[in-house]
Amino acid sequence: QVQLVESGGGSVQPGGSLRLSCEASTTVFGVMSWYRQAPGKQRELVADITTGGTTGYADSVKGRFAISRHNTKNMIYLHMSDLEPEDSAVYYCHAKVGVMSVWGRGTQVAVSS
């Protein structure tokens, strides 16, 4: 079974930048995504990317976040800039593998002054 491992989270001031990485244990064909969940809120889709590189974003992050994918390295990334306190959450990597939904354990992002 595919395993996903996130890295790159941390603490940053408003306006700062972070890059999250997600490594898959094997090649994933299909859509891979970043979700986030803040305390007391539902998990929400942040961005997704197809094998061919087509991307989609939540309205709240358009123009600030960029998702990318390196298929031969089994990696996806989330480049986050102009971070806001509202972006603070645990960020999860997700892959749809056939009918299975695979999640990483998450990486914490905290944005505060």
N, C-alpha and C. Protein backbone atom coordinates (compact mmCIF):
# COMPACT_ATOMS: atom_id res chain seq x y z
N GLN A 1 0.85 -1.19 0.00
CA GLN A 1 0.00 0.00 0.00
C GLN A 1 0.88 1.24 0.00
N VAL A 2 0.42 2.26 -0.71
CA VAL A 2 1.16 3.51 -0.79
C VAL A 2 1.19 4.18 0.58
N GLN A 3 2.35 4.70 0.94
CA GLN A 3 2.48 5.51 2.14
C GLN A 3 2.93 6.91 1.74
N LEU A 4 2.39 7.90 2.45
CA LEU A 4 2.71 9.29 2.17
C LEU A 4 3.34 9.92 3.41
N VAL A 5 4.44 10.65 3.23
CA VAL A 5 5.12 11.28 4.34
C VAL A 5 5.32 12.76 4.02
N GLU A 6 4.74 13.61 4.88
CA GLU A 6 4.87 15.05 4.69
C GLU A 6 6.05 15.60 5.48
N SER A 7 6.58 16.72 5.01
CA SER A 7 7.64 17.42 5.74
C SER A 7 7.59 18.90 5.35
N GLY A 8 8.29 19.73 6.12
CA GLY A 8 8.43 21.12 5.75
C GLY A 8 7.59 22.10 6.55
N GLY A 9 6.76 21.60 7.44
CA GLY A 9 5.97 22.51 8.25
C GLY A 9 6.82 23.25 9.25
N GLY A 10 6.22 24.23 9.91
CA GLY A 10 6.95 24.99 10.91
C GLY A 10 6.20 26.25 11.30
N SER A 11 6.90 27.13 11.99
CA SER A 11 6.33 28.40 12.42
C SER A 11 6.90 29.53 11.57
N VAL A 12 6.03 30.45 11.19
CA VAL A 12 6.45 31.55 10.34
C VAL A 12 5.61 32.78 10.68
N GLN A 13 6.16 33.94 10.42
CA GLN A 13 5.42 35.17 10.65
C GLN A 13 4.49 35.47 9.48
N PRO A 14 3.44 36.23 9.72
CA PRO A 14 2.55 36.63 8.61
C PRO A 14 3.36 37.26 7.47
N GLY A 15 3.01 36.90 6.26
CA GLY A 15 3.74 37.38 5.09
C GLY A 15 4.89 36.48 4.69
N GLY A 16 5.21 35.52 5.51
CA GLY A 16 6.32 34.62 5.23
C GLY A 16 5.95 33.50 4.27
N SER A 17 6.93 32.63 4.03
CA SER A 17 6.76 31.54 3.07
C SER A 17 7.24 30.22 3.67
N LEU A 18 6.66 29.14 3.17
CA LEU A 18 7.08 27.79 3.53
C LEU A 18 6.89 26.91 2.30
N ARG A 19 7.66 25.83 2.24
CA ARG A 19 7.43 24.82 1.22
C ARG A 19 7.22 23.48 1.90
N LEU A 20 6.06 22.90 1.65
CA LEU A 20 5.76 21.56 2.16
C LEU A 20 6.11 20.53 1.09
N SER A 21 6.56 19.38 1.55
CA SER A 21 6.88 18.27 0.65
C SER A 21 6.11 17.04 1.08
N CYS A 22 5.78 16.21 0.11
CA CYS A 22 5.12 14.93 0.38
C CYS A 22 5.79 13.88 -0.50
N GLU A 23 6.32 12.86 0.15
CA GLU A 23 6.96 11.78 -0.59
C GLU A 23 6.09 10.53 -0.53
N ALA A 24 5.82 9.97 -1.68
CA ALA A 24 5.07 8.72 -1.76
C ALA A 24 6.04 7.55 -1.82
N SER A 25 5.65 6.44 -1.22
CA SER A 25 6.53 5.27 -1.16
C SER A 25 6.63 4.56 -2.51
N THR A 26 5.72 4.88 -3.40
CA THR A 26 5.74 4.31 -4.73
C THR A 26 5.07 5.28 -5.69
N THR A 27 5.17 5.00 -6.97
CA THR A 27 4.58 5.89 -7.95
C THR A 27 3.06 5.93 -7.81
N VAL A 28 2.52 7.13 -7.83
CA VAL A 28 1.07 7.33 -7.74
C VAL A 28 0.58 7.87 -9.07
N PHE A 29 -0.36 7.16 -9.66
CA PHE A 29 -0.98 7.64 -10.90
C PHE A 29 -2.34 8.20 -10.53
N GLY A 30 -2.54 9.47 -10.86
CA GLY A 30 -3.82 10.08 -10.53
C GLY A 30 -3.62 11.35 -9.74
N VAL A 31 -4.70 11.81 -9.16
CA VAL A 31 -4.68 13.09 -8.46
C VAL A 31 -4.03 12.96 -7.09
N MET A 32 -3.16 13.90 -6.80
CA MET A 32 -2.62 14.05 -5.45
C MET A 32 -2.99 15.43 -4.95
N SER A 33 -3.18 15.53 -3.65
CA SER A 33 -3.76 16.75 -3.10
C SER A 33 -3.11 17.13 -1.79
N TRP A 34 -3.28 18.39 -1.43
CA TRP A 34 -2.99 18.89 -0.10
C TRP A 34 -4.31 19.33 0.53
N TYR A 35 -4.55 18.87 1.74
CA TYR A 35 -5.67 19.30 2.57
C TYR A 35 -5.10 19.95 3.83
N ARG A 36 -5.96 20.66 4.54
CA ARG A 36 -5.56 21.20 5.83
C ARG A 36 -6.73 21.15 6.79
N GLN A 37 -6.39 21.09 8.07
CA GLN A 37 -7.41 21.08 9.10
C GLN A 37 -6.94 21.93 10.28
N ALA A 38 -7.69 22.97 10.54
CA ALA A 38 -7.42 23.83 11.69
C ALA A 38 -8.23 23.33 12.88
N PRO A 39 -7.81 23.64 14.11
CA PRO A 39 -8.54 23.19 15.29
C PRO A 39 -10.00 23.61 15.25
N GLY A 40 -10.89 22.65 15.48
CA GLY A 40 -12.31 22.95 15.51
C GLY A 40 -12.96 23.11 14.15
N LYS A 41 -12.20 22.89 13.09
CA LYS A 41 -12.75 23.05 11.74
C LYS A 41 -12.65 21.75 10.97
N GLN A 42 -13.42 21.65 9.92
CA GLN A 42 -13.37 20.47 9.06
C GLN A 42 -12.13 20.51 8.18
N ARG A 43 -11.70 19.33 7.79
CA ARG A 43 -10.59 19.23 6.85
C ARG A 43 -11.05 19.79 5.50
N GLU A 44 -10.21 20.61 4.87
CA GLU A 44 -10.59 21.22 3.61
C GLU A 44 -9.50 21.02 2.56
N LEU A 45 -9.96 20.94 1.31
CA LEU A 45 -9.02 20.81 0.20
C LEU A 45 -8.34 22.15 -0.05
N VAL A 46 -7.02 22.11 -0.16
CA VAL A 46 -6.24 23.31 -0.43
C VAL A 46 -5.86 23.39 -1.90
N ALA A 47 -5.31 22.28 -2.42
CA ALA A 47 -4.86 22.27 -3.81
C ALA A 47 -4.72 20.83 -4.26
N ASP A 48 -4.88 20.62 -5.57
CA ASP A 48 -4.66 19.29 -6.11
C ASP A 48 -3.98 19.37 -7.46
N ILE A 49 -3.41 18.23 -7.87
CA ILE A 49 -2.65 18.20 -9.12
C ILE A 49 -2.77 16.82 -9.73
N THR A 50 -3.00 16.78 -11.04
CA THR A 50 -3.09 15.51 -11.74
C THR A 50 -1.69 15.04 -12.14
N THR A 51 -1.62 13.81 -12.63
CA THR A 51 -0.34 13.29 -13.10
C THR A 51 0.21 14.16 -14.22
N GLY A 52 -0.68 14.71 -15.02
CA GLY A 52 -0.26 15.55 -16.14
C GLY A 52 0.06 16.98 -15.76
N GLY A 53 -0.19 17.34 -14.49
CA GLY A 53 0.18 18.68 -14.03
C GLY A 53 -0.95 19.69 -13.98
N THR A 54 -2.17 19.27 -14.24
CA THR A 54 -3.30 20.19 -14.10
C THR A 54 -3.57 20.45 -12.63
N THR A 55 -3.70 21.72 -12.27
CA THR A 55 -3.84 22.08 -10.85
C THR A 55 -5.18 22.73 -10.56
N GLY A 56 -5.55 22.67 -9.29
CA GLY A 56 -6.74 23.34 -8.80
C GLY A 56 -6.47 23.85 -7.40
N TYR A 57 -7.13 24.97 -7.03
CA TYR A 57 -6.87 25.61 -5.75
C TYR A 57 -8.16 26.05 -5.08
N ALA A 58 -8.14 26.04 -3.75
CA ALA A 58 -9.21 26.67 -3.01
C ALA A 58 -9.12 28.18 -3.24
N ASP A 59 -10.27 28.85 -3.23
CA ASP A 59 -10.28 30.29 -3.46
C ASP A 59 -9.42 31.03 -2.45
N SER A 60 -9.37 30.52 -1.23
CA SER A 60 -8.67 31.22 -0.16
C SER A 60 -7.15 31.24 -0.35
N VAL A 61 -6.62 30.38 -1.22
CA VAL A 61 -5.17 30.32 -1.39
C VAL A 61 -4.72 30.68 -2.81
N LYS A 62 -5.66 30.93 -3.70
CA LYS A 62 -5.29 31.26 -5.08
C LYS A 62 -4.39 32.50 -5.11
N GLY A 63 -3.33 32.39 -5.89
CA GLY A 63 -2.39 33.50 -6.00
C GLY A 63 -1.32 33.51 -4.93
N ARG A 64 -1.49 32.69 -3.89
CA ARG A 64 -0.49 32.64 -2.81
C ARG A 64 0.20 31.28 -2.71
N PHE A 65 -0.52 30.22 -3.02
CA PHE A 65 0.01 28.86 -2.93
C PHE A 65 0.20 28.29 -4.34
N ALA A 66 1.17 27.42 -4.46
CA ALA A 66 1.39 26.73 -5.73
C ALA A 66 1.74 25.28 -5.46
N ILE A 67 1.01 24.39 -6.10
CA ILE A 67 1.27 22.96 -5.96
C ILE A 67 2.07 22.50 -7.17
N SER A 68 3.01 21.62 -6.93
CA SER A 68 3.81 21.07 -8.03
C SER A 68 4.07 19.60 -7.78
N ARG A 69 4.56 18.96 -8.80
CA ARG A 69 4.70 17.50 -8.73
C ARG A 69 5.94 17.07 -9.48
N HIS A 70 6.67 16.14 -8.89
CA HIS A 70 7.84 15.56 -9.56
C HIS A 70 7.58 14.06 -9.65
N ASN A 71 7.05 13.63 -10.77
CA ASN A 71 6.57 12.25 -10.88
C ASN A 71 7.68 11.21 -10.71
N THR A 72 8.86 11.48 -11.25
CA THR A 72 9.91 10.47 -11.16
C THR A 72 10.46 10.33 -9.74
N LYS A 73 10.27 11.36 -8.94
CA LYS A 73 10.72 11.30 -7.54
C LYS A 73 9.58 10.95 -6.60
N ASN A 74 8.38 10.74 -7.15
CA ASN A 74 7.20 10.43 -6.33
C ASN A 74 6.97 11.50 -5.27
N MET A 75 7.12 12.75 -5.65
CA MET A 75 6.99 13.87 -4.72
C MET A 75 5.96 14.88 -5.21
N ILE A 76 5.24 15.47 -4.27
CA ILE A 76 4.51 16.69 -4.56
C ILE A 76 4.93 17.74 -3.54
N TYR A 77 4.72 18.98 -3.91
CA TYR A 77 5.13 20.09 -3.08
C TYR A 77 3.99 21.10 -2.98
N LEU A 78 4.01 21.88 -1.91
CA LEU A 78 3.11 23.01 -1.79
C LEU A 78 3.94 24.22 -1.39
N HIS A 79 4.08 25.13 -2.33
CA HIS A 79 4.81 26.37 -2.08
C HIS A 79 3.80 27.39 -1.56
N MET A 80 4.01 27.85 -0.34
CA MET A 80 3.07 28.76 0.29
C MET A 80 3.76 30.09 0.53
N SER A 81 3.16 31.16 0.05
CA SER A 81 3.73 32.49 0.26
C SER A 81 2.66 33.42 0.79
N ASP A 82 3.12 34.59 1.26
CA ASP A 82 2.20 35.58 1.83
C ASP A 82 1.26 34.92 2.85
N LEU A 83 1.84 34.13 3.72
CA LEU A 83 1.05 33.37 4.68
C LEU A 83 0.32 34.27 5.65
N GLU A 84 -0.88 33.82 6.03
CA GLU A 84 -1.75 34.55 6.95
C GLU A 84 -2.02 33.68 8.17
N PRO A 85 -2.37 34.28 9.30
CA PRO A 85 -2.69 33.47 10.48
C PRO A 85 -3.79 32.44 10.19
N GLU A 86 -4.70 32.77 9.28
CA GLU A 86 -5.79 31.83 8.93
C GLU A 86 -5.28 30.59 8.19
N ASP A 87 -4.04 30.61 7.75
CA ASP A 87 -3.45 29.44 7.09
C ASP A 87 -2.91 28.43 8.10
N SER A 88 -2.90 28.78 9.36
CA SER A 88 -2.40 27.87 10.39
C SER A 88 -3.28 26.63 10.46
N ALA A 89 -2.66 25.47 10.37
CA ALA A 89 -3.40 24.21 10.35
C ALA A 89 -2.41 23.06 10.26
N VAL A 90 -2.94 21.86 10.38
CA VAL A 90 -2.16 20.68 10.02
C VAL A 90 -2.44 20.40 8.54
N TYR A 91 -1.39 20.28 7.76
CA TYR A 91 -1.51 20.06 6.33
C TYR A 91 -1.25 18.58 6.02
N TYR A 92 -2.17 18.00 5.27
CA TYR A 92 -2.13 16.58 4.95
C TYR A 92 -1.96 16.38 3.45
N CYS A 93 -1.14 15.42 3.11
CA CYS A 93 -1.01 14.97 1.74
C CYS A 93 -2.02 13.84 1.51
N HIS A 94 -2.61 13.81 0.33
CA HIS A 94 -3.62 12.80 0.02
C HIS A 94 -3.41 12.29 -1.40
N ALA A 95 -3.66 11.00 -1.58
CA ALA A 95 -3.63 10.40 -2.91
C ALA A 95 -4.81 9.46 -3.07
N LYS A 96 -5.39 9.48 -4.26
CA LYS A 96 -6.45 8.54 -4.58
C LYS A 96 -5.81 7.44 -5.41
N VAL A 97 -5.74 6.25 -4.82
CA VAL A 97 -5.10 5.12 -5.48
C VAL A 97 -6.18 4.09 -5.77
N GLY A 98 -6.65 4.06 -7.00
CA GLY A 98 -7.78 3.20 -7.33
C GLY A 98 -8.99 3.66 -6.54
N VAL A 99 -9.56 2.77 -5.76
CA VAL A 99 -10.70 3.14 -4.92
C VAL A 99 -10.26 3.51 -3.51
N MET A 100 -8.94 3.44 -3.27
CA MET A 100 -8.45 3.72 -1.92
C MET A 100 -8.07 5.18 -1.78
N SER A 101 -8.32 5.69 -0.58
CA SER A 101 -7.98 7.06 -0.24
C SER A 101 -6.85 6.99 0.78
N VAL A 102 -5.67 7.49 0.41
CA VAL A 102 -4.48 7.38 1.24
C VAL A 102 -4.11 8.74 1.80
N TRP A 103 -3.84 8.80 3.09
CA TRP A 103 -3.48 10.05 3.78
C TRP A 103 -2.11 9.93 4.43
N GLY A 104 -1.39 11.04 4.46
CA GLY A 104 -0.20 11.13 5.28
C GLY A 104 -0.60 11.49 6.70
N ARG A 105 0.40 11.60 7.58
CA ARG A 105 0.11 11.91 8.99
C ARG A 105 0.01 13.40 9.25
N GLY A 106 0.42 14.21 8.31
CA GLY A 106 0.28 15.65 8.45
C GLY A 106 1.53 16.35 8.94
N THR A 107 1.60 17.64 8.63
CA THR A 107 2.69 18.49 9.11
C THR A 107 2.07 19.82 9.54
N GLN A 108 2.51 20.30 10.69
CA GLN A 108 1.90 21.49 11.29
C GLN A 108 2.49 22.77 10.70
N VAL A 109 1.60 23.70 10.39
CA VAL A 109 2.00 25.04 9.95
C VAL A 109 1.37 26.04 10.91
N ALA A 110 2.18 26.90 11.49
CA ALA A 110 1.71 27.92 12.42
C ALA A 110 2.17 29.28 11.92
N VAL A 111 1.22 30.18 11.73
CA VAL A 111 1.52 31.52 11.24
C VAL A 111 1.10 32.52 12.32
N SER A 112 2.05 33.17 12.91
CA SER A 112 1.74 34.15 13.96
C SER A 112 2.89 35.12 14.10
N SER A 113 2.56 36.28 14.68
CA SER A 113 3.59 37.28 14.91
C SER A 113 4.08 37.22 16.35
